[in-house]
Protein backbone atom coordinates (compact mmCIF):
# COMPACT_ATOMS: atom_id res chain seq x y z
CA MET A 1 -29.16 -8.91 -23.12
CA GLN A 2 -32.55 -10.78 -23.61
CA LYS A 3 -35.00 -10.14 -26.41
CA GLN A 4 -37.66 -9.75 -23.85
CA VAL A 5 -36.00 -6.73 -22.31
CA LEU A 6 -35.81 -4.90 -25.45
CA LYS A 7 -39.41 -5.75 -26.39
CA THR A 8 -40.38 -4.36 -23.06
CA LEU A 9 -38.40 -1.10 -23.31
CA LEU A 10 -39.89 -0.76 -26.76
CA ASN A 11 -43.44 -1.26 -25.81
CA THR A 12 -42.80 1.27 -22.91
CA ALA A 13 -41.28 3.82 -25.55
CA LYS A 14 -44.66 3.16 -27.56
CA GLY A 15 -46.92 3.75 -24.80
CA LYS A 16 -48.00 0.20 -24.72
CA GLU A 17 -46.61 -0.50 -21.27
CA LEU A 18 -46.46 1.74 -18.35
CA PRO A 19 -42.87 2.94 -17.15
CA ASP A 20 -41.86 2.47 -13.57
CA ALA A 21 -40.96 5.98 -12.88
CA VAL A 22 -40.53 9.47 -14.68
CA ILE A 23 -38.14 12.06 -13.61
CA ARG A 24 -39.24 15.60 -14.31
CA ASN A 25 -38.10 19.07 -13.62
CA GLY A 26 -34.40 18.27 -13.89
CA ARG A 27 -31.54 19.60 -16.03
CA LEU A 28 -29.78 16.85 -17.82
CA LEU A 29 -25.90 16.51 -18.36
CA ASN A 30 -25.42 15.14 -21.94
CA VAL A 31 -21.85 13.84 -21.77
CA PHE A 32 -21.96 13.17 -25.88
CA THR A 33 -22.77 16.91 -26.62
CA ASN A 34 -21.15 18.63 -23.53
CA SER A 35 -24.44 20.25 -22.79
CA ILE A 36 -26.97 20.68 -19.89
CA ASP A 37 -30.50 20.32 -21.43
CA GLU A 38 -33.60 21.55 -19.90
CA GLY A 39 -37.32 20.48 -20.12
CA LEU A 40 -36.67 16.80 -20.49
CA ASP A 41 -38.43 14.01 -18.92
CA VAL A 42 -36.26 10.69 -18.11
CA ILE A 43 -38.40 7.70 -18.40
CA VAL A 44 -37.38 4.44 -16.55
CA LYS A 45 -38.49 0.89 -17.09
CA ASP A 46 -37.06 -1.94 -15.16
CA GLY A 47 -33.84 -0.41 -14.19
CA TRP A 48 -33.20 0.95 -17.76
CA ILE A 49 -33.62 4.44 -19.32
CA VAL A 50 -36.33 4.36 -21.84
CA SER A 51 -35.80 7.92 -23.13
CA ALA A 52 -34.78 11.34 -22.13
CA GLY A 53 -36.93 13.38 -24.17
CA GLU A 54 -38.87 16.58 -24.18
CA SER A 55 -41.50 16.77 -21.28
CA GLY A 56 -45.06 16.43 -22.23
CA ASN A 57 -46.29 17.83 -19.31
CA SER A 58 -48.83 15.49 -19.39
CA ARG A 59 -50.38 13.71 -16.36
CA ILE A 60 -48.49 10.49 -15.18
CA PRO A 61 -50.93 7.57 -14.91
CA GLY A 62 -51.47 5.97 -11.39
CA GLY A 63 -49.03 3.33 -10.43
CA VAL A 64 -46.02 5.14 -12.12
CA ARG A 65 -43.63 6.99 -9.64
CA GLU A 66 -43.10 10.74 -10.44
CA ILE A 67 -39.73 11.91 -9.28
CA ASP A 68 -39.67 15.76 -8.92
CA ALA A 69 -35.97 16.68 -9.51
CA ASP A 70 -36.76 20.05 -8.40
CA GLY A 71 -34.09 21.90 -10.81
CA ALA A 72 -31.23 19.45 -9.96
CA CYS A 73 -28.73 18.66 -12.47
CA LEU A 74 -29.27 14.87 -13.49
CA CYS A 75 -25.59 13.16 -14.08
CA PRO A 76 -24.67 9.79 -14.71
CA GLY A 77 -23.59 7.81 -11.90
CA PHE A 78 -19.49 7.95 -11.42
CA ILE A 79 -17.57 4.92 -12.12
CA ASP A 80 -14.20 4.22 -10.28
CA ALA A 81 -12.15 2.65 -13.22
CA HIS A 82 -9.46 1.48 -10.58
CA THR A 83 -9.46 0.56 -7.02
CA HIS A 84 -8.35 -2.09 -4.63
CA LEU A 85 -11.15 -3.44 -2.47
CA ASP A 86 -9.89 -6.74 -1.36
CA SER A 87 -8.14 -5.42 1.90
CA ILE A 88 -8.99 -3.13 4.77
CA ILE A 89 -12.69 -2.56 4.35
CA PRO A 90 -15.67 -5.23 3.92
CA PHE A 91 -17.46 -4.43 0.67
CA TYR A 92 -20.99 -3.87 2.38
CA GLU A 93 -19.31 -1.20 4.49
CA PHE A 94 -17.91 0.46 1.58
CA VAL A 95 -21.16 0.54 -0.37
CA PRO A 96 -23.07 3.51 1.63
CA TYR A 97 -19.85 5.51 1.38
CA ALA A 98 -19.52 5.07 -2.29
CA LEU A 99 -23.17 5.74 -2.94
CA ARG A 100 -22.84 9.06 -0.96
CA GLY A 101 -20.16 10.12 -3.19
CA GLY A 102 -22.17 9.31 -6.44
CA THR A 103 -20.48 6.25 -7.20
CA THR A 104 -22.60 3.54 -8.55
CA ALA A 105 -19.98 1.38 -10.31
CA ILE A 106 -16.38 0.34 -9.61
CA VAL A 107 -13.68 -1.77 -10.99
CA THR A 108 -11.66 -3.42 -8.35
CA GLU A 109 -8.36 -5.42 -8.43
CA CYS A 110 -8.19 -8.54 -6.51
CA SER A 111 -4.52 -9.57 -6.30
CA CYS A 112 -4.26 -9.49 -2.60
CA VAL A 113 -7.17 -12.09 -2.05
CA ALA A 114 -5.71 -14.11 -4.77
CA CYS A 115 -2.33 -14.33 -3.10
CA ALA A 116 -3.82 -14.72 0.34
CA CYS A 117 -6.45 -17.56 -0.35
CA GLY A 118 -6.17 -18.65 -4.03
CA ALA A 119 -9.05 -19.22 -6.18
CA ALA A 120 -11.34 -19.98 -3.33
CA GLY A 121 -10.72 -16.58 -1.83
CA VAL A 122 -11.44 -14.85 -5.19
CA LYS A 123 -14.62 -16.64 -5.55
CA THR A 124 -15.45 -15.55 -1.88
CA PHE A 125 -14.41 -11.99 -2.58
CA ILE A 126 -16.83 -11.96 -5.74
CA GLU A 127 -19.66 -13.29 -3.88
CA SER A 128 -19.28 -10.70 -1.25
CA THR A 129 -19.95 -7.93 -3.56
CA LYS A 130 -23.42 -9.22 -5.04
CA GLY A 131 -26.75 -8.23 -3.96
CA TYR A 132 -26.03 -4.58 -3.22
CA PRO A 133 -26.78 -1.40 -5.23
CA LEU A 134 -23.26 -0.78 -6.30
CA ARG A 135 -22.21 -2.34 -9.50
CA CYS A 136 -18.74 -4.25 -9.06
CA TYR A 137 -16.50 -5.38 -11.80
CA PHE A 138 -13.28 -6.89 -11.43
CA THR A 139 -9.77 -7.36 -13.25
CA ALA A 140 -8.03 -10.85 -13.15
CA PRO A 141 -4.80 -10.90 -11.13
CA PRO A 142 -1.85 -11.59 -13.39
CA LEU A 143 0.95 -11.84 -10.73
CA THR A 144 0.36 -14.05 -7.88
CA PRO A 145 2.69 -13.46 -6.67
CA PRO A 146 4.47 -10.77 -8.61
CA PHE A 147 7.76 -12.80 -8.48
CA PRO A 148 7.40 -16.55 -7.42
CA LYS A 149 11.25 -16.96 -7.49
CA MET A 150 11.52 -14.24 -4.74
CA GLU A 151 8.37 -14.74 -2.65
CA SER A 152 5.70 -17.19 -1.74
CA SER A 153 1.84 -16.91 -1.84
CA TYR A 154 -0.92 -18.74 -3.16
CA GLN A 155 -0.84 -18.82 -7.08
CA LEU A 156 -3.57 -18.85 -9.67
CA THR A 157 -3.21 -21.52 -12.29
CA LEU A 158 -3.49 -20.47 -15.81
CA LYS A 159 -6.77 -22.39 -15.94
CA GLU A 160 -8.15 -20.72 -12.84
CA PHE A 161 -6.93 -17.33 -14.26
CA ASN A 162 -8.78 -18.07 -17.70
CA ASN A 163 -11.90 -18.99 -15.89
CA LEU A 164 -11.91 -15.62 -14.23
CA LEU A 165 -11.49 -13.88 -17.60
CA LYS A 166 -14.36 -15.74 -18.87
CA ARG A 167 -16.87 -14.07 -16.32
CA GLU A 168 -18.76 -11.18 -17.66
CA ASP A 169 -18.11 -9.14 -14.47
CA PHE A 170 -14.16 -9.55 -15.07
CA LEU A 171 -13.35 -6.72 -17.75
CA GLY A 172 -9.69 -7.56 -18.42
CA ILE A 173 -6.40 -8.12 -16.53
CA GLY A 174 -5.12 -6.11 -13.49
CA GLU A 175 -2.03 -4.16 -13.30
CA ALA A 176 0.98 -6.17 -14.65
CA TYR A 177 4.41 -4.59 -13.69
CA TRP A 178 6.04 -3.68 -16.81
CA THR A 179 9.59 -4.98 -15.79
CA SER A 180 8.04 -8.53 -15.66
CA ILE A 181 6.19 -8.74 -19.01
CA VAL A 182 8.58 -6.77 -21.21
CA GLU A 183 11.23 -9.24 -20.57
CA GLY A 184 9.12 -12.12 -21.81
CA ASP A 185 7.74 -13.55 -18.66
CA ASP A 186 5.82 -16.83 -19.81
CA ARG A 187 3.19 -16.56 -17.50
CA THR A 188 2.24 -12.93 -18.10
CA LEU A 189 2.46 -13.22 -22.06
CA LYS A 190 0.41 -16.25 -21.85
CA GLN A 191 -2.22 -14.04 -19.90
CA ALA A 192 -2.05 -11.20 -22.01
CA ALA A 193 -2.40 -13.15 -25.29
CA HIS A 194 -5.49 -15.12 -23.84
CA ALA A 195 -7.12 -11.44 -22.67
CA ILE A 196 -6.44 -10.05 -26.13
CA SER A 197 -8.19 -13.13 -27.79
CA MET A 198 -11.19 -12.43 -25.53
CA HIS A 199 -11.22 -8.79 -26.46
CA LYS A 200 -10.56 -7.69 -22.89
CA ASN A 201 -8.51 -4.93 -21.50
CA LEU A 202 -5.11 -5.28 -20.03
CA ASP A 203 -4.50 -2.56 -17.12
CA GLY A 204 -0.96 -1.40 -16.95
CA HIS A 205 1.57 -0.39 -14.25
CA ALA A 206 4.17 1.47 -16.28
CA ALA A 207 5.93 3.47 -13.27
CA GLY A 208 9.12 4.34 -14.95
CA ALA A 209 8.87 2.90 -18.19
CA ARG A 210 9.58 5.39 -20.93
CA GLY A 211 10.74 5.54 -24.63
CA LYS A 212 11.59 2.33 -25.81
CA ARG A 213 10.55 0.46 -22.78
CA LEU A 214 7.14 1.98 -22.84
CA VAL A 215 6.77 0.89 -26.61
CA GLU A 216 7.59 -2.56 -25.69
CA TYR A 217 5.22 -2.45 -22.79
CA VAL A 218 2.22 -1.36 -25.15
CA LEU A 219 3.53 -4.15 -27.76
CA THR A 220 2.20 -6.82 -24.75
CA GLY A 221 -1.31 -5.58 -25.22
CA ILE A 222 -1.48 -3.08 -22.30
CA THR A 223 -4.52 -0.59 -22.65
CA SER A 224 -3.97 1.67 -19.70
CA CYS A 225 -1.98 3.03 -16.92
CA HIS A 226 -2.58 4.78 -13.64
CA GLU A 227 1.10 5.34 -12.86
CA SER A 228 1.83 8.77 -14.64
CA VAL A 229 3.41 11.22 -12.20
CA SER A 230 4.33 14.12 -14.93
CA ILE A 231 2.41 15.59 -17.75
CA ASP A 232 5.03 14.41 -20.18
CA GLU A 233 4.20 10.91 -19.08
CA VAL A 234 0.63 11.34 -19.84
CA ILE A 235 1.20 12.96 -23.29
CA GLU A 236 3.71 9.98 -24.22
CA LYS A 237 1.02 7.43 -23.23
CA LEU A 238 -1.79 9.21 -24.92
CA LYS A 239 0.44 9.20 -28.13
CA LEU A 240 0.86 5.33 -27.78
CA GLY A 241 -2.94 5.00 -27.61
CA LEU A 242 -3.22 4.27 -23.98
CA TYR A 243 -5.82 5.22 -21.95
CA VAL A 244 -4.49 7.48 -18.70
CA MET A 245 -6.00 7.28 -15.20
CA ILE A 246 -5.24 10.21 -13.24
CA ARG A 247 -4.80 8.92 -9.56
CA GLU A 248 -6.14 11.05 -6.70
CA GLY A 249 -6.52 8.90 -3.75
CA TRP A 250 -4.91 7.30 -0.69
CA VAL A 251 -1.79 5.96 -1.99
CA ARG A 252 -0.72 8.86 -4.30
CA ARG A 253 -2.47 12.16 -5.37
CA GLU A 254 -1.36 13.18 -8.99
CA LEU A 255 -4.13 15.46 -9.92
CA PRO A 256 -2.29 18.92 -9.07
CA GLU A 257 0.43 17.98 -11.63
CA LEU A 258 -1.51 16.00 -14.34
CA SER A 259 -4.35 18.42 -14.33
CA LYS A 260 -2.21 20.50 -16.56
CA ILE A 261 -3.71 18.23 -19.41
CA LYS A 262 -6.54 20.63 -19.43
CA ASP A 263 -4.62 23.21 -21.07
CA ILE A 264 -3.28 20.97 -23.80
CA ASP A 265 -5.08 20.40 -27.13
CA VAL A 266 -5.54 16.73 -26.87
CA ASP A 267 -8.37 14.27 -27.21
CA LYS A 268 -9.42 13.92 -23.45
CA ARG A 269 -11.71 11.00 -24.11
CA ARG A 270 -9.00 8.59 -22.92
CA VAL A 271 -8.16 10.55 -19.76
CA MET A 272 -9.83 9.09 -16.51
CA LEU A 273 -10.00 10.08 -12.87
CA VAL A 274 -9.44 7.21 -10.39
CA SER A 275 -9.05 6.57 -6.66
CA ASP A 276 -6.57 3.55 -6.53
CA MET A 277 -8.42 3.16 -3.24
CA PHE A 278 -9.63 5.40 -0.45
CA ASP A 279 -8.76 4.34 3.00
CA ALA A 280 -11.42 4.54 5.81
CA VAL A 281 -10.26 8.04 6.98
CA MET A 282 -10.86 9.50 3.63
CA LEU A 283 -14.36 7.71 3.02
CA TYR A 284 -15.50 8.62 6.37
CA GLU A 285 -14.25 12.24 6.50
CA GLU A 286 -14.00 13.39 2.83
CA GLY A 287 -16.21 11.69 0.48
CA TYR A 288 -15.30 9.50 -2.39
CA LEU A 289 -15.14 10.19 -6.34
CA ASP A 290 -17.37 13.33 -5.42
CA THR A 291 -14.17 14.74 -3.73
CA ILE A 292 -12.03 13.72 -6.85
CA VAL A 293 -14.30 15.46 -9.41
CA ARG A 294 -14.59 18.61 -7.10
CA LYS A 295 -10.72 18.97 -6.94
CA ALA A 296 -10.60 18.41 -10.88
CA ILE A 297 -13.02 21.22 -11.17
CA GLU A 298 -10.97 23.33 -8.70
CA TYR A 299 -7.85 22.82 -10.80
CA GLY A 300 -9.44 24.13 -13.78
CA PHE A 301 -11.27 21.43 -15.65
CA SER A 302 -14.84 22.56 -16.56
CA PRO A 303 -17.55 20.51 -14.37
CA ILE A 304 -18.74 18.75 -17.70
CA GLU A 305 -14.99 17.72 -18.51
CA ALA A 306 -14.35 16.55 -14.98
CA ILE A 307 -17.64 14.54 -14.84
CA LYS A 308 -16.77 12.66 -18.17
CA MET A 309 -13.64 11.55 -16.69
CA VAL A 310 -15.65 9.43 -14.37
CA THR A 311 -18.81 8.52 -16.36
CA ILE A 312 -18.51 8.08 -20.15
CA ASN A 313 -14.64 7.81 -20.44
CA PRO A 314 -14.28 4.83 -18.22
CA ALA A 315 -17.63 3.37 -19.54
CA ASP A 316 -16.26 3.35 -23.06
CA TYR A 317 -12.74 2.18 -22.12
CA TYR A 318 -14.14 -0.93 -20.31
CA GLY A 319 -16.87 -1.65 -22.91
CA LEU A 320 -19.58 -0.80 -20.50
CA ARG A 321 -21.95 0.19 -23.16
CA HIS A 322 -24.92 0.47 -20.81
CA LEU A 323 -23.33 2.95 -18.36
CA GLY A 324 -21.71 6.17 -18.25
CA ALA A 325 -24.71 8.31 -19.72
CA ILE A 326 -28.39 9.11 -19.39
CA ALA A 327 -29.72 7.87 -22.65
CA PRO A 328 -31.85 5.34 -24.04
CA LEU A 329 -30.73 1.68 -23.18
CA ARG A 330 -28.23 3.03 -20.46
CA ARG A 331 -28.87 1.78 -16.99
CA ALA A 332 -30.84 4.14 -14.85
CA ASP A 333 -27.81 5.05 -12.59
CA ILE A 334 -28.53 8.73 -11.94
CA ILE A 335 -26.92 11.37 -9.52
CA PHE A 336 -29.00 14.42 -8.73
CA LEU A 337 -26.72 17.38 -8.16
CA LYS A 338 -28.08 20.76 -6.54
CA ASP A 339 -24.84 22.22 -7.62
CA ILE A 340 -22.69 21.05 -10.50
CA LYS A 341 -19.50 23.02 -9.59
CA LYS A 342 -19.53 21.86 -6.10
CA ILE A 343 -20.70 18.45 -6.79
CA SER A 344 -23.44 18.65 -3.95
CA ILE A 345 -25.30 15.43 -4.27
CA GLU A 346 -28.99 15.43 -3.28
CA LYS A 347 -30.09 11.76 -4.51
CA VAL A 348 -28.44 8.73 -6.02
CA MET A 349 -30.41 6.51 -8.17
CA VAL A 350 -29.17 2.94 -8.88
CA ASN A 351 -31.05 0.57 -11.47
CA GLY A 352 -34.03 2.96 -11.20
CA ASN A 353 -34.35 3.07 -7.53
CA ILE A 354 -33.32 6.00 -5.17
CA VAL A 355 -30.92 4.52 -2.77
CA TYR A 356 -29.36 7.66 -1.32
CA SER A 357 -31.48 10.75 -0.62
CA ASN A 358 -30.92 13.77 1.90
CA ASP A 359 -27.74 12.28 3.47
CA ASN A 360 -29.45 8.85 4.31
CA MET A 361 -29.39 5.60 2.59
CA THR A 362 -33.03 4.42 1.50
CA THR A 363 -32.32 0.92 1.40
CA ASP A 364 -30.74 -1.68 3.84
CA ILE A 365 -27.18 -2.87 3.57
CA LYS A 366 -26.75 -6.25 5.16
CA PRO A 367 -23.37 -7.53 6.16
CA TYR A 368 -21.98 -10.60 4.14
CA MET A 369 -21.30 -13.66 6.14
CA TYR A 370 -17.70 -14.66 5.10
CA PRO A 371 -17.16 -18.40 5.37
CA GLY A 372 -15.29 -19.81 8.67
CA ALA A 373 -12.37 -21.08 6.93
CA LEU A 374 -11.44 -17.74 5.01
CA GLN A 375 -11.26 -16.18 8.45
CA ARG A 376 -8.78 -18.91 9.45
CA THR A 377 -5.89 -18.42 6.91
CA VAL A 378 -2.93 -17.66 9.09
CA SER A 379 -1.57 -21.37 9.81
CA ALA A 380 2.00 -20.65 10.64
CA GLU A 381 3.07 -21.89 14.27
CA LYS A 382 4.40 -19.40 16.86
CA LEU A 383 7.74 -18.10 17.02
CA ASN A 384 10.34 -17.30 19.87
CA GLU A 385 12.86 -14.74 20.05
CA ASN A 386 15.82 -16.82 18.40
CA ASP A 387 13.80 -17.00 15.26
CA PHE A 388 14.17 -13.25 14.79
CA ARG A 389 18.18 -13.41 15.54
CA ILE A 390 20.72 -13.76 12.81
CA LYS A 391 23.73 -16.13 13.51
CA ALA A 392 27.10 -14.74 12.26
CA HIS A 393 30.72 -15.01 12.81
CA PRO A 394 32.70 -12.11 14.07
CA LYS A 395 34.33 -11.46 10.54
CA ASP A 396 31.24 -11.81 8.70
CA ASN A 397 29.52 -8.72 9.79
CA THR A 398 29.15 -6.56 6.58
CA ILE A 399 25.43 -6.94 5.63
CA ARG A 400 22.88 -5.56 3.16
CA ILE A 401 20.08 -3.56 5.04
CA ILE A 402 16.81 -1.83 3.93
CA GLU A 403 16.64 1.80 3.93
CA VAL A 404 13.16 3.53 3.91
CA THR A 405 13.61 6.70 1.80
CA ASN A 406 10.33 7.91 1.52
CA GLN A 407 6.55 6.54 2.04
CA THR A 408 6.87 3.55 -0.45
CA ILE A 409 10.55 3.46 -1.82
CA THR A 410 13.46 1.83 -0.17
CA LYS A 411 17.18 1.31 -1.01
CA GLU A 412 19.94 -0.86 -0.32
CA ARG A 413 22.63 0.18 2.21
CA GLN A 414 25.81 -1.65 3.54
CA TYR A 415 26.28 -1.71 7.07
CA ASN A 416 28.91 -3.16 9.28
CA ALA A 417 27.05 -4.89 12.08
CA ALA A 418 28.59 -5.76 15.43
CA VAL A 419 28.46 -9.44 16.53
CA LYS A 420 27.66 -10.53 19.95
CA ASP A 421 27.37 -14.17 21.52
CA GLY A 422 27.25 -15.45 17.79
CA PHE A 423 24.37 -13.14 16.64
CA LEU A 424 24.41 -9.92 14.69
CA GLU A 425 23.65 -6.82 17.02
CA LYS A 426 20.95 -4.24 16.01
CA ASP A 427 21.92 -0.59 16.51
CA ILE A 428 18.93 1.33 17.88
CA GLU A 429 20.89 4.50 18.14
CA HIS A 430 21.46 4.65 14.45
CA ASP A 431 17.87 3.45 13.69
CA ILE A 432 18.93 0.07 12.53
CA ILE A 433 16.61 -2.66 13.73
CA PRO A 434 15.66 -6.06 12.99
CA VAL A 435 12.87 -6.80 10.05
CA ALA A 436 11.64 -10.28 9.04
CA VAL A 437 8.91 -11.54 6.69
CA ILE A 438 7.31 -14.77 7.78
CA ASN A 439 5.28 -17.15 5.42
CA LYS A 440 2.00 -17.06 7.13
CA ARG A 441 1.35 -20.90 6.34
CA ASN A 442 4.91 -22.28 7.38
CA ASN A 443 7.13 -20.09 9.78
CA ARG A 444 10.14 -22.00 8.60
CA LYS A 445 9.81 -19.79 5.55
CA LEU A 446 11.49 -16.73 7.14
CA GLY A 447 13.48 -13.92 5.57
CA LYS A 448 15.50 -11.67 8.01
CA SER A 449 17.58 -8.78 7.76
CA PHE A 450 17.71 -5.16 9.40
CA ILE A 451 16.10 -1.82 8.36
CA LYS A 452 16.80 1.78 8.74
CA GLY A 453 14.54 4.63 8.59
CA THR A 454 11.54 3.58 10.74
CA GLY A 455 12.67 5.37 13.89
CA ILE A 456 11.25 2.50 16.02
CA LYS A 457 13.04 2.55 19.47
CA ASN A 458 10.75 0.79 21.91
CA GLY A 459 8.49 -1.77 20.37
CA SER A 460 7.55 -3.81 17.47
CA VAL A 461 4.94 -3.98 14.84
CA ALA A 462 3.64 -7.18 12.99
CA THR A 463 1.14 -7.30 10.14
CA THR A 464 -0.30 -9.48 7.45
CA LEU A 465 -1.65 -6.47 5.51
CA ILE A 466 1.20 -6.31 3.12
CA TRP A 467 1.29 -5.90 -0.80
CA ASP A 468 0.60 -8.47 -2.28
CA THR A 469 1.46 -11.74 -0.54
CA THR A 470 -0.25 -11.11 2.89
CA ASN A 471 2.50 -12.95 4.52
CA ILE A 472 3.64 -11.59 7.94
CA LEU A 473 5.66 -8.56 8.25
CA SER A 474 7.50 -7.87 11.74
CA ILE A 475 9.95 -4.91 12.35
CA GLY A 476 10.86 -4.22 16.16
CA SER A 477 13.79 -2.82 18.12
CA ASP A 478 13.53 -5.85 20.39
CA GLU A 479 13.24 -9.56 19.69
CA GLU A 480 10.77 -10.30 22.49
CA ASP A 481 8.31 -7.67 21.29
CA MET A 482 8.73 -8.93 17.80
CA THR A 483 7.71 -12.46 19.27
CA THR A 484 4.76 -10.96 21.32
CA ALA A 485 3.39 -9.24 18.25
CA VAL A 486 3.74 -11.75 15.71
CA ASN A 487 2.29 -14.37 18.18
CA ARG A 488 -0.81 -12.42 18.97
CA LEU A 489 -1.20 -11.61 15.15
CA ILE A 490 -1.24 -15.54 14.48
CA ASP A 491 -3.74 -15.61 17.34
CA ILE A 492 -6.19 -12.98 15.89
CA GLN A 493 -5.61 -14.54 12.24
CA GLY A 494 -4.18 -11.47 10.67
CA GLY A 495 -4.27 -7.62 10.77
CA ILE A 496 -1.97 -5.25 12.71
CA VAL A 497 -0.43 -5.52 16.12
CA ILE A 498 1.94 -3.35 18.11
CA ALA A 499 3.99 -4.79 21.26
CA ARG A 500 5.96 -2.78 23.65
CA GLU A 501 8.09 -4.07 26.70
CA GLY A 502 6.39 -7.62 26.14
CA LYS A 503 2.81 -6.46 26.05
CA VAL A 504 0.28 -5.52 23.18
CA ILE A 505 -0.60 -2.19 23.25
CA TYR A 506 -2.65 -2.20 20.08
CA GLU A 507 -4.31 -4.79 17.79
CA PHE A 508 -6.51 -4.36 14.66
CA PRO A 509 -7.91 -7.80 13.69
CA MET A 510 -8.35 -8.65 10.09
CA PRO A 511 -9.43 -12.24 9.86
CA VAL A 512 -11.16 -12.47 6.50
CA PHE A 513 -8.36 -13.31 4.13
CA GLY A 514 -5.78 -11.84 6.78
CA THR A 515 -6.70 -8.38 5.12
CA ILE A 516 -10.11 -7.61 6.04
CA PRO A 517 -11.96 -6.59 9.46
CA ILE A 518 -15.15 -7.41 10.47
CA ALA A 519 -16.01 -3.88 11.65
CA GLY A 520 -17.82 -0.88 10.70
CA MET A 521 -16.50 2.04 8.63
CA LYS A 522 -16.12 4.39 11.80
CA GLU A 523 -14.25 1.77 13.69
CA ILE A 524 -11.85 1.09 10.94
CA ARG A 525 -11.37 4.91 10.62
CA ASP A 526 -10.74 5.21 14.27
CA LYS A 527 -8.23 1.99 14.47
CA THR A 528 -6.46 3.42 11.49
CA LEU A 529 -5.96 6.84 13.44
CA GLU A 530 -5.06 4.90 16.56
CA LEU A 531 -2.28 3.14 14.54
CA GLU A 532 -0.65 6.48 13.84
CA GLU A 533 -0.57 7.34 17.56
CA LYS A 534 0.64 3.87 18.74
CA MET A 535 3.36 4.00 16.23
CA LYS A 536 4.75 7.19 17.64
CA GLU A 537 4.72 5.59 20.96
CA ILE A 538 7.31 2.85 19.95
CA GLY A 539 9.41 5.84 18.42
CA SER A 540 8.37 5.69 14.67
CA LEU A 541 9.15 8.70 12.40
CA LEU A 542 7.46 7.37 9.47
CA GLU A 543 5.32 9.85 7.81
CA ARG A 544 2.48 7.61 6.80
CA PRO A 545 3.04 4.27 8.94
CA PHE A 546 -0.16 2.76 7.74
CA LEU A 547 0.89 2.92 4.17
CA THR A 548 4.60 2.17 4.75
CA ILE A 549 4.41 -0.83 6.57
CA GLN A 550 2.21 -2.36 3.84
CA THR A 551 4.64 -1.68 1.20
CA ILE A 552 8.13 -2.61 2.86
CA PRO A 553 7.78 -6.24 1.54
CA PHE A 554 6.10 -5.34 -1.65
CA THR A 555 8.19 -6.47 -4.78
CA GLY A 556 6.41 -4.35 -7.11
CA LEU A 557 8.50 -1.05 -6.08
CA PRO A 558 12.20 -0.64 -6.13
CA PHE A 559 14.77 -1.22 -4.82
CA LEU A 560 15.51 -3.73 -1.99
CA ARG A 561 12.55 -5.40 -0.29
CA ILE A 562 12.44 -8.48 2.11
CA THR A 563 10.17 -11.52 1.53
CA ASP A 564 9.88 -14.80 3.11
CA LYS A 565 12.65 -15.89 0.85
CA GLY A 566 15.13 -13.37 1.89
CA LEU A 567 16.32 -9.99 0.50
CA ALA A 568 15.06 -9.22 -2.90
CA ASP A 569 16.95 -6.98 -5.49
CA ILE A 570 14.07 -5.51 -7.42
CA LYS A 571 15.96 -3.98 -10.26
CA ASN A 572 17.93 -7.24 -10.96
CA LYS A 573 14.87 -9.46 -10.00
CA ARG A 574 17.02 -11.71 -7.82
CA LEU A 575 17.46 -12.83 -4.09
CA VAL A 576 20.63 -11.49 -2.69
CA PRO A 577 22.52 -12.54 0.36
CA LEU A 578 22.28 -10.70 3.56
CA PHE A 579 26.13 -11.04 4.03
CA ILE A 580 28.62 -9.36 1.58
CA ALA A 581 31.82 -11.15 1.08
């Protein structure tokens, strides 16, 4: 904050300088008093709110914009306190849909881009968010990759990590899995200590941590968690002083259960609503934070309670003292609501300018031009069919395989595989087919096994869109199709490819970092829906294939995963052999 800014705002309040705009005839939602106040003028100067006081009904001087709210409820811009924007959707395509949904600020993780391209990728990702009418803040990725002994990716050095934390637009550390940090992982403890010394937040990932283990997690400096799935977990975390983020997005939807907090006498200032990301289908067809707030109201929260969970609560949590309310010395980020219960948005103001009105953007959103080097991140050489086969002796046929148990969770299963011509045989009849993860920079680093539960019978899928390493996942009923899909994926520099009978039947190029397409929202939506249909064509039984294929190699979830180093036992944090003696 510069002295001249304060002086200008003071002079405007005293009438010595003209404001830029005055908003009249609105009803102001006050998040401090839980009231809706009428007869107030909101005075704006240089993107700041100078005052929100009683209307003088005086004539506004020439050169000052008079904005007639026409009885609309003036509400602070929404803040998404936890999302992931470093994959699937270019930021510039996301902006109009966020604003349409009343969202004027977001806090995003950047672990995927850090694992994909290191510090250079994070720098470009940050740059790609600048110059748009949507405030973007970040959390520094603590686990690149989550478990270096079990998987490979780019790694941020401690110096690179600390340099990110020094930035004003980095509000803290991104989600660090509790199983790593509570066991004294030196890397994450150093990061946590540095963040605490800088008075920055440490967002948590406490899935499954209860009782003593949760207390240990809090002792490492964790300040929030978005992984609660029961009301008991919410209360337990609130008692320990954590902020609780209620997730209602693409990955999971916990609002139906966690909305029970409305009936419990606890201080709800530490409760927030977050998306944890929306995919293109949801953004295009449903909305954004407006849909979450609307659902919260439907589940019984008062409109003001629901709105506070996406305004003043996240602003207070992250120390964004100039956001989250309509009051002096707050940014003029304001939503004009026709109906507060239905969250029907007429206009959106950001930094004192109307950027969305009557279903249309009022400002141009220009695409960001990504550097060519970061559109060529898949340098692995092409593979052949034998690369996906597993050599075996006739007696060495008891193996560990991965079984998909739901949309995101897997478990270990033992299987007696047949051996033919010196290689393990798949068993399509019983839904047991090959799976592999290939390091996208070195195809000699390749983990192989078998997987059950996909339903794939006639084809293969390959993708670099995997959490968090962004290496190459390949699953298929036929090694020829696996080869076809992976080699085409290398050609298009990442994304998703489906092959059947030796031919590519679907491709979704994502050349930026290997995780982001250069495409519009409608095209991304259409390709996402097409993926589901093409997966069915190769026999997939996965309920949500776009999500599940991203998580099969993800070491942040239990229980047995596959990486470029082999099979990973997540509970015991160790690689385990394919063959069982």
